[in-house]
Protein backbone atom coordinates (compact mmCIF):
# COMPACT_ATOMS: atom_id res chain seq x y z
CA THR A 1 82.62 19.48 2.65
CA PHE A 2 85.15 21.55 4.53
CA THR A 3 87.88 23.12 4.21
CA VAL A 4 90.02 25.61 5.97
CA THR A 5 91.72 28.39 4.82
CA VAL A 6 94.28 30.84 7.19
CA THR A 7 96.29 34.55 6.71
CA ASP A 8 99.26 34.77 8.78
CA SER A 9 100.59 38.38 9.42
CA ASN A 10 102.68 38.89 6.72
CA ASN A 11 99.16 37.78 4.74
CA ARG A 12 100.40 34.58 3.40
CA THR A 13 97.79 32.11 3.04
CA ALA A 14 97.70 28.18 3.31
CA THR A 15 93.99 25.97 2.51
CA SER A 16 93.50 22.66 4.46
CA GLY A 17 92.62 19.64 1.86
CA THR A 18 88.59 18.74 1.90
CA LEU A 19 87.49 17.42 4.77
CA THR A 20 84.37 15.56 4.06
CA LEU A 21 81.33 14.49 6.55
CA THR A 22 78.71 12.32 5.66
CA SER A 23 75.18 12.93 7.42
CA SER A 24 72.82 10.18 8.13
CA ASN A 25 70.31 11.51 10.13
CA PRO A 26 67.65 9.01 9.87
CA GLY A 27 63.72 9.66 10.50
CA PRO A 28 61.15 7.93 12.55
CA SER A 29 59.50 5.10 11.24
CA VAL A 30 55.53 3.83 11.99
CA SER A 31 53.57 1.07 11.24
CA TRP A 32 50.41 -0.86 11.67
CA THR A 33 50.18 -3.67 13.76
CA THR A 34 46.38 -4.51 12.91
CA LYS A 35 46.02 -6.03 9.85
CA ASP A 36 43.79 -5.23 6.73
CA THR A 37 40.14 -6.80 8.02
CA THR A 38 36.67 -6.65 7.86
CA VAL A 39 35.24 -5.59 11.14
CA SER A 40 31.97 -5.19 12.80
CA GLY A 41 31.12 -3.59 16.15
CA VAL A 42 33.69 -2.02 18.25
CA VAL A 43 36.80 -2.73 17.16
CA THR A 44 40.23 -1.52 18.13
CA ILE A 45 43.31 -1.17 15.51
CA ALA A 46 46.71 -0.52 16.85
CA ALA A 47 50.17 0.92 15.81
CA THR A 48 54.17 1.41 16.93
CA ALA A 49 56.30 4.23 16.18
CA ALA A 50 59.94 4.88 16.56
CA ALA A 51 62.38 7.35 16.60
CA ASP A 52 65.78 6.20 14.52
CA PRO A 53 67.28 4.61 18.18
CA SER A 54 70.87 5.86 16.90
CA GLY A 55 69.83 9.32 18.08
CA THR A 56 68.20 11.34 20.43
CA ALA A 57 64.94 12.25 18.86
CA ARG A 58 61.46 10.75 20.73
CA ILE A 59 58.01 10.58 19.13
CA ALA A 60 56.32 13.94 19.49
CA LYS A 61 53.28 14.23 17.20
CA TRP A 62 51.11 11.58 15.67
CA CYS A 63 47.96 12.50 13.44
CA MET A 64 45.07 10.60 11.91
CA LYS A 65 43.30 10.31 8.77
CA VAL A 66 40.76 8.33 8.06
CA ASP A 67 39.59 8.17 4.30
CA ASN A 68 41.69 10.65 3.64
CA LYS A 69 40.94 12.91 6.48
CA ALA A 70 41.84 14.51 9.67
CA TRP A 71 40.05 12.04 12.13
CA SER A 72 38.22 14.25 15.21
CA SER A 73 37.30 12.57 17.78
CA SER A 74 33.89 14.37 17.80
CA ASP A 75 33.18 12.77 14.05
CA SER A 76 30.15 10.51 15.26
CA GLY A 77 30.33 7.89 12.29
CA TYR A 78 34.06 7.75 13.94
CA GLY A 79 32.51 7.25 17.62
CA ALA A 80 36.37 6.88 20.17
CA GLY A 81 36.49 4.36 23.20
CA GLY A 82 38.93 6.72 24.95
CA LYS A 83 41.77 9.00 23.87
CA LEU A 84 44.89 7.95 22.14
CA TYR A 85 46.85 9.29 24.75
CA ASP A 86 46.17 10.70 28.10
CA TYR A 87 49.51 12.53 27.90
CA ALA A 88 48.82 14.75 25.16
CA SER A 89 46.92 17.50 24.03
CA TYR A 90 45.01 16.69 20.94
CA ASP A 91 43.54 19.21 18.03
CA THR A 92 40.24 18.19 17.18
CA VAL A 93 41.21 20.04 13.32
CA THR A 94 43.77 18.11 12.46
CA GLY A 95 43.57 15.29 14.12
CA CYS A 96 47.05 15.35 16.25
CA TRP A 97 47.72 14.11 19.48
CA THR A 98 51.69 16.34 20.74
CA SER A 99 53.34 15.58 23.62
CA ASP A 100 55.84 18.94 24.42
CA SER A 101 57.51 17.25 27.05
CA PRO A 102 60.64 15.19 26.86
CA SER A 103 58.92 12.57 29.19
CA TYR A 104 56.45 11.14 26.92
CA ASN A 105 57.27 9.38 23.39
CA LEU A 106 54.36 8.66 21.60
CA ASP A 107 55.84 5.37 20.36
CA ASP A 108 52.66 3.20 20.48
CA GLY A 109 48.96 3.49 19.69
CA ARG A 110 45.67 1.99 20.19
CA MET A 111 42.24 3.37 19.09
CA ARG A 112 38.42 1.65 19.50
CA PHE A 113 36.13 2.16 17.09
CA ASP A 114 32.00 0.94 17.05
CA THR A 115 31.88 0.77 13.23
CA THR A 116 28.01 0.09 13.55
CA GLY A 117 27.56 3.82 12.88
CA TRP A 118 29.87 3.21 9.31
CA ALA A 119 28.61 2.93 6.09
CA ASP A 120 29.55 -1.01 5.46
CA GLY A 121 32.34 -0.86 2.43
CA THR A 122 36.38 0.19 2.84
CA HIS A 123 37.52 2.87 5.12
CA THR A 124 41.29 3.66 4.97
CA PHE A 125 43.63 4.80 8.25
CA THR A 126 47.11 6.46 7.90
CA VAL A 127 49.48 7.70 10.74
CA THR A 128 51.59 10.39 10.30
CA VAL A 129 54.96 10.62 13.75
CA THR A 130 56.99 13.30 13.69
CA ASP A 131 59.45 12.86 16.02
CA SER A 132 61.09 15.57 18.18
CA ASN A 133 63.54 16.71 15.68
CA ASN A 134 60.66 17.04 13.13
CA ARG A 135 61.46 14.21 10.80
CA THR A 136 58.43 13.01 9.80
CA ALA A 137 57.46 9.42 8.75
CA THR A 138 53.94 8.02 7.55
CA SER A 139 52.58 4.48 7.64
CA GLY A 140 51.20 2.05 5.00
CA THR A 141 47.49 2.41 4.84
CA LEU A 142 45.22 0.19 6.68
CA THR A 143 42.24 -1.01 4.57
CA LEU A 144 39.03 -2.08 7.00
CA THR A 145 35.92 -3.66 6.07
CA SER A 146 32.88 -2.58 8.17
CA SER A 147 29.66 -5.43 7.31
CA ASN A 148 27.46 -4.53 10.03
CA GLN A 149 24.08 -4.55 7.41
CA ILE A 150 24.28 -8.54 7.51
CA GLY A 151 21.45 -9.80 8.98
CA ARG A 152 19.33 -6.78 8.72
CA ALA A 153 16.47 -6.98 6.91
CA HIS A 154 16.09 -5.24 3.45
CA VAL A 155 12.46 -3.68 2.44
């Protein structure tokens, strides 16, 4: 809300009525395009993100968690088949790709995993994106059930 008070040279004042502005600056959105499923071997998972279309923001940061911890491309249990983004810097501690360039929008992510090193069972994935105005959105949880032990001999 805004009001203006003015004072003239004789020290008399007048105050305006109240002007009320409602701001609406929605944040980004992110969702998995891959559905919950049972997997084995090499699998690709994908998600899409979008900044609010009414503004000028872009998706500037993409962070992924696997089984509730920051994913690192060096995790041997989650071997990657390449980078998520070639034009973004990657931090192995936070599991985040960041692009400071206004020319790049990190709106589509695809990651390949070799699940043969995973323990059989469920593995969860989440993605948090941040737009260039520092607003965030987190995806729902993607659950993949690995099933690589089928057909192996048990002693």
